Amino acid sequence: MTDGGPRDAVAGLPCCLAVDVGGTKIAAGLVSHTGELIASDSIRTPRASDGDALFQVVADLVAICAGEASLRSCEIEVCGVGCGGPMSAGGESVSPLNIPAWRSFALRDRLAALPVLGAVPVFVDNDAKALALGEGWVGSARGLRSFLAMVVSTGVGGGIVLDGRMLEGSSGNAGHIGHVVVEPDGRRCGCGAKGCLEAEASGTAIEEITGHPASEAPREVVERAGTLVGRAVASVANLLDLRLALVGGSVALGFGLPFFVAAQREIDERCRLAHSRGCRVEPVGLGAAGPLVGAGAVGWRGIRRLGETAPGDPEVLCP
């Protein structure tokens, strides 16, 4: 369990037990109502084919965090979860493309049934939408009413805040920028289409293309991934009148400056309308804490929607 700060500084505070489930790692932590990541733990996502076995890993991490909350005398008021998608409305069931063991898996109900969580409400949303909420709450998009947040990791996901509200869509799956086509007739994507950003620039795709982990990708592959991300961002910026894209995830952050320079170059080339010209792409402000702070934002937003407003909740989290 990694400490986020002195125990006596957070003793007795209400907290959200935050869970982030991705294709690379599973993490859990405690997030205060002001967006502080108090403590966290994580494990590499097992390549399990048994959905129940995979859930047990999540349950074990939740139990560890609940124990830490008890040691700190923190009151767990809610559980917030960011998970790869797609998923049904409200996160009732999840089918992450990069976690084959879970297909229509009842993640929310399974978590809610854990004795260690008692009767606290559980809220589930897409992990990239969660990141967008976190960045708008206490990250680099704080105070902005419109922006895009992206995860470029094992897969590629996105969350869009438009006019101060999270863009949800009819089933809660809005923002899947990983399935914007960037290479017509390109590689076959896990969704079944060809040329999706996820099929061309995700960690999984890069490993399949090069035969090596994305962390070992040569510069030309890094720059191509950045260019394709910039191409997708430009399409969204032109469509939705956006000026900022924040990009996180192990691949994007690991690639660093050459990736972001290539992405910005492509955006500058393709954002030529008055409302999109000058669109910027930047690394997420929350860094490695972003996924769990975002999951915490999902939880606190859920509480707000129930009418139990917690102090410090930002307006961008309003339903």
Protein backbone atom coordinates (compact mmCIF):
# COMPACT_ATOMS: atom_id res chain seq x y z
CA MET A 1 0.00 0.00 0.00
CA THR A 2 1.56 3.28 -1.15
CA ASP A 3 1.07 6.28 1.13
CA GLY A 4 -0.29 9.49 -0.36
CA GLY A 5 0.36 11.56 2.76
CA PRO A 6 0.67 11.52 6.56
CA ARG A 7 -1.96 9.41 8.25
CA ASP A 8 -2.81 12.04 10.85
CA ALA A 9 -3.57 14.55 8.07
CA VAL A 10 -6.49 12.49 6.79
CA ALA A 11 -7.71 10.67 9.89
CA GLY A 12 -11.47 10.79 10.22
CA LEU A 13 -12.08 12.26 6.76
CA PRO A 14 -14.72 10.84 4.42
CA CYS A 15 -13.21 9.02 1.45
CA CYS A 16 -14.07 7.20 -1.72
CA LEU A 17 -12.69 3.73 -2.27
CA ALA A 18 -11.52 4.09 -5.85
CA VAL A 19 -10.89 1.20 -8.25
CA ASP A 20 -9.27 1.35 -11.69
CA VAL A 21 -9.50 -1.74 -13.92
CA GLY A 22 -7.44 -1.72 -17.09
CA GLY A 23 -5.78 -4.12 -19.47
CA THR A 24 -2.34 -3.36 -18.02
CA LYS A 25 -3.01 -3.08 -14.29
CA ILE A 26 -5.69 -3.10 -11.64
CA ALA A 27 -5.42 -0.50 -8.89
CA ALA A 28 -7.37 0.58 -5.84
CA GLY A 29 -6.98 3.48 -3.47
CA LEU A 30 -8.59 6.01 -1.18
CA VAL A 31 -9.56 9.42 -2.58
CA SER A 32 -10.67 12.30 -0.36
CA HIS A 33 -13.57 14.59 -1.20
CA THR A 34 -11.01 17.21 -2.26
CA GLY A 35 -9.32 14.92 -4.79
CA GLU A 36 -6.31 13.82 -2.74
CA LEU A 37 -5.08 10.28 -3.35
CA ILE A 38 -4.51 9.16 0.22
CA ALA A 39 -3.18 5.65 -0.39
CA SER A 40 -3.09 3.12 -3.23
CA ASP A 41 -2.06 -0.35 -4.29
CA SER A 42 -1.95 -2.10 -7.67
CA ILE A 43 -1.19 -5.35 -9.45
CA ARG A 44 -0.55 -6.23 -13.08
CA THR A 45 -3.78 -7.41 -14.72
CA PRO A 46 -3.67 -11.22 -14.80
CA ARG A 47 -4.20 -12.90 -18.15
CA ALA A 48 -7.05 -14.89 -16.66
CA SER A 49 -9.72 -16.57 -18.74
CA ASP A 50 -11.96 -17.00 -15.70
CA GLY A 51 -13.99 -13.89 -14.94
CA ASP A 52 -14.53 -14.87 -11.33
CA ALA A 53 -10.81 -15.39 -10.78
CA LEU A 54 -10.10 -11.95 -12.19
CA PHE A 55 -12.75 -10.40 -9.97
CA GLN A 56 -11.13 -12.01 -6.94
CA VAL A 57 -8.01 -9.96 -7.65
CA VAL A 58 -10.17 -6.82 -7.61
CA ALA A 59 -11.88 -7.94 -4.40
CA ASP A 60 -8.51 -8.54 -2.71
CA LEU A 61 -7.33 -5.03 -3.57
CA VAL A 62 -10.61 -3.57 -2.29
CA ALA A 63 -10.15 -5.45 0.99
CA ILE A 64 -6.60 -4.09 1.34
CA CYS A 65 -7.82 -0.52 0.80
CA ALA A 66 -10.74 -0.97 3.19
CA GLY A 67 -8.26 -2.12 5.81
CA GLU A 68 -6.12 0.94 5.20
CA ALA A 69 -9.18 3.17 5.58
CA SER A 70 -9.87 1.55 8.93
CA LEU A 71 -6.28 2.13 10.08
CA ARG A 72 -6.60 5.80 9.13
CA SER A 73 -10.09 6.09 10.69
CA CYS A 74 -11.38 7.22 7.29
CA GLU A 75 -15.06 6.73 6.60
CA ILE A 76 -15.69 5.04 3.23
CA GLU A 77 -18.78 6.81 1.90
CA VAL A 78 -18.78 5.54 -1.67
CA CYS A 79 -16.96 3.26 -4.12
CA GLY A 80 -16.08 4.68 -7.53
CA VAL A 81 -14.79 2.56 -10.40
CA GLY A 82 -13.15 3.34 -13.73
CA CYS A 83 -13.10 0.35 -16.08
CA GLY A 84 -12.28 -0.25 -19.72
CA GLY A 85 -15.31 -0.34 -21.98
CA PRO A 86 -17.68 -0.71 -23.58
CA MET A 87 -20.27 -1.20 -20.85
CA SER A 88 -23.98 -0.95 -20.30
CA ALA A 89 -25.55 2.29 -19.06
CA GLY A 90 -24.48 3.07 -15.51
CA GLY A 91 -21.77 0.43 -15.63
CA GLU A 92 -24.21 -2.29 -14.66
CA SER A 93 -22.25 -4.76 -16.79
CA VAL A 94 -18.85 -4.37 -18.44
CA SER A 95 -17.26 -5.94 -21.53
CA PRO A 96 -13.75 -4.43 -21.82
CA LEU A 97 -12.25 -5.24 -25.23
CA ASN A 98 -8.85 -5.76 -23.62
CA ILE A 99 -10.12 -8.01 -20.81
CA PRO A 100 -11.66 -11.02 -22.62
CA ALA A 101 -12.52 -12.75 -19.31
CA TRP A 102 -15.25 -10.18 -18.69
CA ARG A 103 -18.12 -10.18 -21.13
CA SER A 104 -21.35 -8.66 -19.77
CA PHE A 105 -19.74 -9.02 -16.36
CA ALA A 106 -21.87 -7.60 -13.53
CA LEU A 107 -19.02 -5.61 -11.99
CA ARG A 108 -21.13 -3.08 -10.11
CA ASP A 109 -23.34 -5.64 -8.40
CA ARG A 110 -20.41 -7.91 -7.61
CA LEU A 111 -18.58 -5.06 -5.90
CA ALA A 112 -21.69 -3.91 -4.06
CA ALA A 113 -22.07 -7.43 -2.66
CA LEU A 114 -18.62 -7.46 -1.05
CA PRO A 115 -19.10 -7.53 2.75
CA VAL A 116 -16.07 -5.30 3.24
CA LEU A 117 -17.90 -2.45 1.47
CA GLY A 118 -20.98 -2.76 3.64
CA ALA A 119 -23.87 -0.81 2.18
CA VAL A 120 -21.94 2.02 0.48
CA PRO A 121 -23.15 2.86 -3.03
CA VAL A 122 -21.01 1.75 -5.98
CA PHE A 123 -20.71 3.72 -9.21
CA VAL A 124 -18.96 2.47 -12.37
CA ASP A 125 -17.96 4.38 -15.50
CA ASN A 126 -15.51 4.13 -18.38
CA ASP A 127 -11.90 4.61 -17.24
CA ALA A 128 -11.16 7.36 -19.76
CA LYS A 129 -14.33 9.24 -18.80
CA ALA A 130 -13.20 8.87 -15.20
CA LEU A 131 -9.84 10.40 -16.13
CA ALA A 132 -11.64 13.34 -17.75
CA LEU A 133 -13.64 13.89 -14.57
CA GLY A 134 -10.48 13.81 -12.49
CA GLU A 135 -8.62 16.25 -14.75
CA GLY A 136 -11.58 18.62 -14.70
CA TRP A 137 -11.82 18.34 -10.93
CA VAL A 138 -8.23 18.78 -9.72
CA GLY A 139 -6.06 18.37 -12.82
CA SER A 140 -4.95 20.40 -15.83
CA ALA A 141 -8.50 21.04 -17.06
CA ARG A 142 -9.71 22.54 -13.79
CA GLY A 143 -11.91 25.53 -14.54
CA LEU A 144 -12.40 24.59 -18.21
CA ARG A 145 -15.86 23.83 -19.53
CA SER A 146 -14.85 21.88 -22.64
CA PHE A 147 -11.95 19.47 -23.20
CA LEU A 148 -10.98 15.94 -24.20
CA ALA A 149 -9.07 13.49 -22.01
CA MET A 150 -7.51 10.33 -23.45
CA VAL A 151 -5.84 7.15 -22.29
CA VAL A 152 -3.28 5.58 -24.64
CA SER A 153 -2.22 2.35 -22.99
CA THR A 154 -3.12 -1.29 -23.65
CA GLY A 155 -6.11 0.20 -25.47
CA VAL A 156 -7.19 3.74 -26.34
CA GLY A 157 -10.12 5.47 -24.66
CA GLY A 158 -11.49 8.96 -24.29
CA GLY A 159 -13.78 11.13 -22.24
CA ILE A 160 -15.25 14.44 -23.37
CA VAL A 161 -16.45 17.29 -21.18
CA LEU A 162 -18.59 19.67 -23.21
CA ASP A 163 -20.08 22.89 -21.84
CA GLY A 164 -19.25 21.81 -18.29
CA ARG A 165 -20.81 18.35 -18.46
CA MET A 166 -19.52 14.91 -19.24
CA LEU A 167 -20.70 13.73 -22.65
CA GLU A 168 -22.52 10.48 -21.94
CA GLY A 169 -24.37 9.29 -25.06
CA SER A 170 -27.48 7.13 -25.05
CA SER A 171 -25.75 4.16 -23.38
CA GLY A 172 -23.01 5.99 -21.48
CA ASN A 173 -20.32 5.06 -24.02
CA ALA A 174 -19.66 8.47 -25.62
CA GLY A 175 -16.02 9.41 -26.08
CA HIS A 176 -14.58 6.20 -27.57
CA ILE A 177 -11.93 8.02 -29.58
CA GLY A 178 -10.01 4.75 -29.86
CA HIS A 179 -12.52 3.77 -32.53
CA VAL A 180 -12.14 6.86 -34.69
CA VAL A 181 -10.77 5.58 -38.01
CA VAL A 182 -7.31 7.05 -38.64
CA GLU A 183 -6.07 4.63 -41.34
CA PRO A 184 -8.81 3.64 -43.81
CA ASP A 185 -8.43 -0.06 -44.62
CA GLY A 186 -5.83 -0.33 -41.88
CA ARG A 187 -5.39 -3.07 -39.29
CA ARG A 188 -8.39 -5.02 -38.02
CA CYS A 189 -9.49 -3.72 -34.61
CA GLY A 190 -10.83 -5.77 -31.71
CA CYS A 191 -14.18 -4.09 -32.31
CA GLY A 192 -14.30 -5.64 -35.80
CA ALA A 193 -13.66 -2.49 -37.86
CA LYS A 194 -10.49 -1.60 -39.74
CA GLY A 195 -8.12 1.28 -39.14
CA CYS A 196 -9.31 2.36 -35.68
CA LEU A 197 -6.86 4.41 -33.62
CA GLU A 198 -6.76 1.57 -31.07
CA ALA A 199 -5.78 -0.91 -33.80
CA GLU A 200 -2.91 1.32 -34.92
CA ALA A 201 -1.50 3.15 -31.89
CA SER A 202 -2.37 1.24 -28.70
CA GLY A 203 0.23 -0.69 -26.73
CA THR A 204 -1.32 -3.93 -27.92
CA ALA A 205 -1.19 -2.86 -31.57
CA ILE A 206 2.39 -1.60 -31.33
CA GLU A 207 3.52 -4.90 -29.82
CA GLU A 208 1.78 -6.82 -32.59
CA ILE A 209 3.30 -4.58 -35.28
CA THR A 210 6.88 -4.55 -33.95
CA GLY A 211 7.07 -7.86 -32.10
CA HIS A 212 8.29 -6.00 -29.00
CA PRO A 213 6.63 -4.21 -26.04
CA ALA A 214 5.64 -0.61 -26.69
CA SER A 215 8.31 0.49 -24.21
CA GLU A 216 10.94 -0.72 -26.73
CA ALA A 217 9.39 0.97 -29.77
CA PRO A 218 11.83 2.80 -32.08
CA ARG A 219 11.43 6.53 -32.63
CA GLU A 220 9.59 6.18 -35.93
CA VAL A 221 6.91 4.03 -34.25
CA VAL A 222 6.63 6.53 -31.39
CA GLU A 223 6.18 9.40 -33.83
CA ARG A 224 3.66 7.47 -35.93
CA ALA A 225 1.58 6.75 -32.81
CA GLY A 226 1.68 10.44 -31.89
CA THR A 227 0.68 11.44 -35.41
CA LEU A 228 -2.31 9.10 -35.41
CA VAL A 229 -3.42 10.29 -31.98
CA GLY A 230 -3.16 13.86 -33.24
CA ARG A 231 -5.24 12.93 -36.28
CA ALA A 232 -8.02 11.55 -34.08
CA VAL A 233 -7.88 14.52 -31.73
CA ALA A 234 -8.13 16.92 -34.66
CA SER A 235 -11.29 15.18 -35.90
CA VAL A 236 -12.90 15.50 -32.48
CA ALA A 237 -11.76 19.11 -32.04
CA ASN A 238 -13.18 20.10 -35.42
CA LEU A 239 -16.45 18.34 -34.64
CA LEU A 240 -17.00 19.51 -31.07
CA ASP A 241 -15.27 22.91 -30.86
CA LEU A 242 -12.53 21.82 -28.44
CA ARG A 243 -9.20 23.53 -27.70
CA LEU A 244 -7.52 21.09 -25.30
CA ALA A 245 -6.74 17.36 -25.31
CA LEU A 246 -5.06 15.82 -22.26
CA VAL A 247 -3.42 12.47 -22.89
CA GLY A 248 -2.38 9.91 -20.30
CA GLY A 249 -1.76 6.18 -20.18
CA SER A 250 1.44 4.17 -19.98
CA VAL A 251 2.16 4.29 -23.73
CA ALA A 252 1.68 8.03 -24.22
CA LEU A 253 3.45 9.05 -21.03
CA GLY A 254 6.20 6.50 -21.63
CA PHE A 255 6.82 7.77 -25.16
CA GLY A 256 7.09 11.31 -23.86
CA LEU A 257 8.09 14.41 -25.81
CA PRO A 258 8.54 12.89 -29.33
CA PHE A 259 5.02 11.46 -29.12
CA PHE A 260 3.47 14.77 -28.05
CA VAL A 261 5.43 16.81 -30.60
CA ALA A 262 4.21 14.53 -33.40
CA ALA A 263 0.63 14.72 -32.12
CA GLN A 264 0.72 18.53 -31.94
CA ARG A 265 2.19 18.78 -35.44
CA GLU A 266 -0.68 16.71 -36.84
CA ILE A 267 -3.28 18.73 -34.95
CA ASP A 268 -1.83 21.98 -36.26
CA GLU A 269 -2.03 20.59 -39.79
CA ARG A 270 -5.63 19.42 -39.51
CA CYS A 271 -7.31 21.94 -37.18
CA ARG A 272 -7.77 24.84 -39.57
CA LEU A 273 -11.24 26.05 -38.62
CA ALA A 274 -11.53 29.19 -36.52
CA HIS A 275 -13.05 27.24 -33.61
CA SER A 276 -10.40 24.49 -33.58
CA ARG A 277 -7.26 26.31 -34.70
CA GLY A 278 -4.80 26.42 -31.80
CA CYS A 279 -6.05 23.21 -30.21
CA ARG A 280 -3.36 21.91 -27.82
CA VAL A 281 -2.39 18.39 -26.81
CA GLU A 282 -0.66 17.96 -23.45
CA PRO A 283 0.14 15.20 -20.95
CA VAL A 284 -2.44 14.76 -18.21
CA GLY A 285 -1.81 16.91 -15.16
CA LEU A 286 -2.49 14.20 -12.58
CA GLY A 287 0.16 11.83 -13.93
CA ALA A 288 0.13 8.32 -12.49
CA ALA A 289 -2.50 9.29 -9.91
CA GLY A 290 -5.01 10.20 -12.63
CA PRO A 291 -6.84 6.87 -13.00
CA LEU A 292 -7.58 6.52 -9.28
CA VAL A 293 -8.40 10.20 -8.75
CA GLY A 294 -10.72 9.83 -11.74
CA ALA A 295 -12.36 6.75 -10.23
CA GLY A 296 -12.78 8.76 -7.05
CA ALA A 297 -14.46 11.49 -9.10
CA VAL A 298 -16.89 8.87 -10.45
CA GLY A 299 -17.80 7.98 -6.89
CA TRP A 300 -18.23 11.52 -5.62
CA ARG A 301 -20.23 12.46 -8.73
CA GLY A 302 -22.51 9.51 -8.01
CA ILE A 303 -23.08 10.78 -4.48
CA ARG A 304 -23.91 14.21 -5.86
CA ARG A 305 -26.42 12.70 -8.23
CA LEU A 306 -28.09 11.02 -5.27
CA GLY A 307 -28.47 14.47 -3.74
CA GLU A 308 -25.85 13.95 -1.05
CA THR A 309 -23.45 16.68 -2.10
CA ALA A 310 -20.00 16.34 -0.59
CA PRO A 311 -18.00 19.50 0.15
CA GLY A 312 -15.42 20.33 -2.49
CA ASP A 313 -17.21 18.62 -5.37
CA PRO A 314 -16.43 20.58 -8.55
CA GLU A 315 -19.12 21.88 -10.84
CA VAL A 316 -17.79 19.79 -13.74
CA LEU A 317 -19.04 16.72 -11.89
CA CYS A 318 -22.63 17.95 -11.79
CA PRO A 319 -25.10 15.64 -13.53
